[in-house]
C-alpha atoms as a PDB file:
ATOM      1  CA  MET A   1     -51.752 -38.800 -33.694  1.00  0.00           C
ATOM      2  CA  SER A   2     -48.868 -41.920 -32.828  1.00  0.00           C
ATOM      3  CA  GLU A   3     -47.966 -43.867 -35.226  1.00  0.00           C
ATOM      4  CA  GLN A   4     -49.911 -46.702 -34.302  1.00  0.00           C
ATOM      5  CA  ASN A   5     -53.161 -44.770 -34.329  1.00  0.00           C
ATOM      6  CA  GLU A   6     -52.353 -43.608 -38.300  1.00  0.00           C
ATOM      7  CA  LYS A   7     -51.180 -47.163 -39.579  1.00  0.00           C
ATOM      8  CA  LEU A   8     -54.901 -47.956 -37.776  1.00  0.00           C
ATOM      9  CA  VAL A   9     -56.696 -44.968 -39.589  1.00  0.00           C
ATOM     10  CA  GLN A  10     -54.981 -45.962 -42.980  1.00  0.00           C
ATOM     11  CA  SER A  11     -56.011 -49.659 -41.974  1.00  0.00           C
ATOM     12  CA  VAL A  12     -59.522 -49.085 -41.915  1.00  0.00           C
ATOM     13  CA  LYS A  13     -59.654 -46.877 -45.567  1.00  0.00           C
ATOM     14  CA  GLU A  14     -58.047 -49.375 -47.076  1.00  0.00           C
ATOM     15  CA  ALA A  15     -60.306 -52.126 -45.734  1.00  0.00           C
ATOM     16  CA  ALA A  16     -63.624 -49.796 -46.541  1.00  0.00           C
ATOM     17  CA  ARG A  17     -64.922 -50.499 -49.918  1.00  0.00           C
ATOM     18  CA  ASP A  18     -67.511 -47.553 -51.256  1.00  0.00           C
ATOM     19  CA  GLY A  19     -68.000 -46.187 -47.605  1.00  0.00           C
ATOM     20  CA  ARG A  20     -67.985 -49.339 -45.906  1.00  0.00           C
ATOM     21  CA  LEU A  21     -66.315 -51.976 -43.681  1.00  0.00           C
ATOM     22  CA  SER A  22     -68.117 -54.838 -42.979  1.00  0.00           C
ATOM     23  CA  CYS A  23     -68.709 -55.790 -39.022  1.00  0.00           C
ATOM     24  CA  THR A  24     -66.279 -58.731 -39.208  1.00  0.00           C
ATOM     25  CA  MET A  25     -63.322 -56.784 -41.314  1.00  0.00           C
ATOM     26  CA  ALA A  26     -63.817 -53.847 -38.206  1.00  0.00           C
ATOM     27  CA  ARG A  27     -63.904 -56.442 -35.580  1.00  0.00           C
ATOM     28  CA  LYS A  28     -60.021 -57.918 -37.278  1.00  0.00           C
ATOM     29  CA  ILE A  29     -58.859 -54.543 -37.237  1.00  0.00           C
ATOM     30  CA  ALA A  30     -59.493 -54.016 -33.739  1.00  0.00           C
ATOM     31  CA  ALA A  31     -57.712 -57.484 -33.065  1.00  0.00           C
ATOM     32  CA  ASP A  32     -54.593 -56.679 -35.448  1.00  0.00           C
ATOM     33  CA  TYR A  33     -54.495 -53.038 -33.646  1.00  0.00           C
ATOM     34  CA  ASN A  34     -54.995 -54.561 -30.009  1.00  0.00           C
ATOM     35  CA  VAL A  35     -57.620 -51.945 -29.544  1.00  0.00           C
ATOM     36  CA  PRO A  36     -61.737 -51.994 -27.976  1.00  0.00           C
ATOM     37  CA  PRO A  37     -63.824 -52.093 -31.286  1.00  0.00           C
ATOM     38  CA  ARG A  38     -64.966 -49.078 -30.048  1.00  0.00           C
ATOM     39  CA  THR A  39     -61.682 -47.468 -30.799  1.00  0.00           C
ATOM     40  CA  VAL A  40     -62.573 -48.345 -34.855  1.00  0.00           C
ATOM     41  CA  GLY A  41     -66.267 -47.493 -34.998  1.00  0.00           C
ATOM     42  CA  ASP A  42     -65.190 -44.261 -33.784  1.00  0.00           C
ATOM     43  CA  ILE A  43     -62.525 -43.540 -36.793  1.00  0.00           C
ATOM     44  CA  CYS A  44     -64.914 -45.175 -38.875  1.00  0.00           C
ATOM     45  CA  ASN A  45     -67.069 -42.075 -37.595  1.00  0.00           C
ATOM     46  CA  GLN A  46     -64.816 -39.552 -37.886  1.00  0.00           C
ATOM     47  CA  LEU A  47     -64.280 -40.597 -42.086  1.00  0.00           C
ATOM     48  CA  LYS A  48     -67.274 -41.179 -42.603  1.00  0.00           C
ATOM     49  CA  ILE A  49     -67.499 -45.003 -43.349  1.00  0.00           C
ATOM     50  CA  LYS A  50     -70.876 -47.154 -42.230  1.00  0.00           C
ATOM     51  CA  ILE A  51     -70.331 -50.555 -40.802  1.00  0.00           C
ATOM     52  CA  LYS A  52     -72.307 -53.114 -43.087  1.00  0.00           C
ATOM     53  CA  ALA A  53     -73.374 -57.049 -41.572  1.00  0.00           C
ATOM     54  CA  CYS A  54     -73.060 -55.629 -37.636  1.00  0.00           C
ATOM     55  CA  GLU A  55     -73.257 -59.131 -36.100  1.00  0.00           C
ATOM     56  CA  LEU A  56     -72.969 -58.584 -32.558  1.00  0.00           C
ATOM     57  CA  GLY A  57     -74.127 -54.555 -31.783  1.00  0.00           C
ATOM     58  CA  CYS A  58     -70.921 -53.578 -31.066  1.00  0.00           C
ATOM     59  CA  PHE A  59     -70.907 -50.676 -33.718  1.00  0.00           C
END
């Protein structure tokens, strides 16, 4: 796993509360790391983190 990918995973873990991450935060993390929202969604799936309050149907 690349260093950027490890940092991305760590950011998702830190932002998630009670196993959930808001859509807004997921999209912000994707933008911060210049990756598609789908990448953050895939990480959430691997970590069993649910996306809440999805605004655009991206996840």
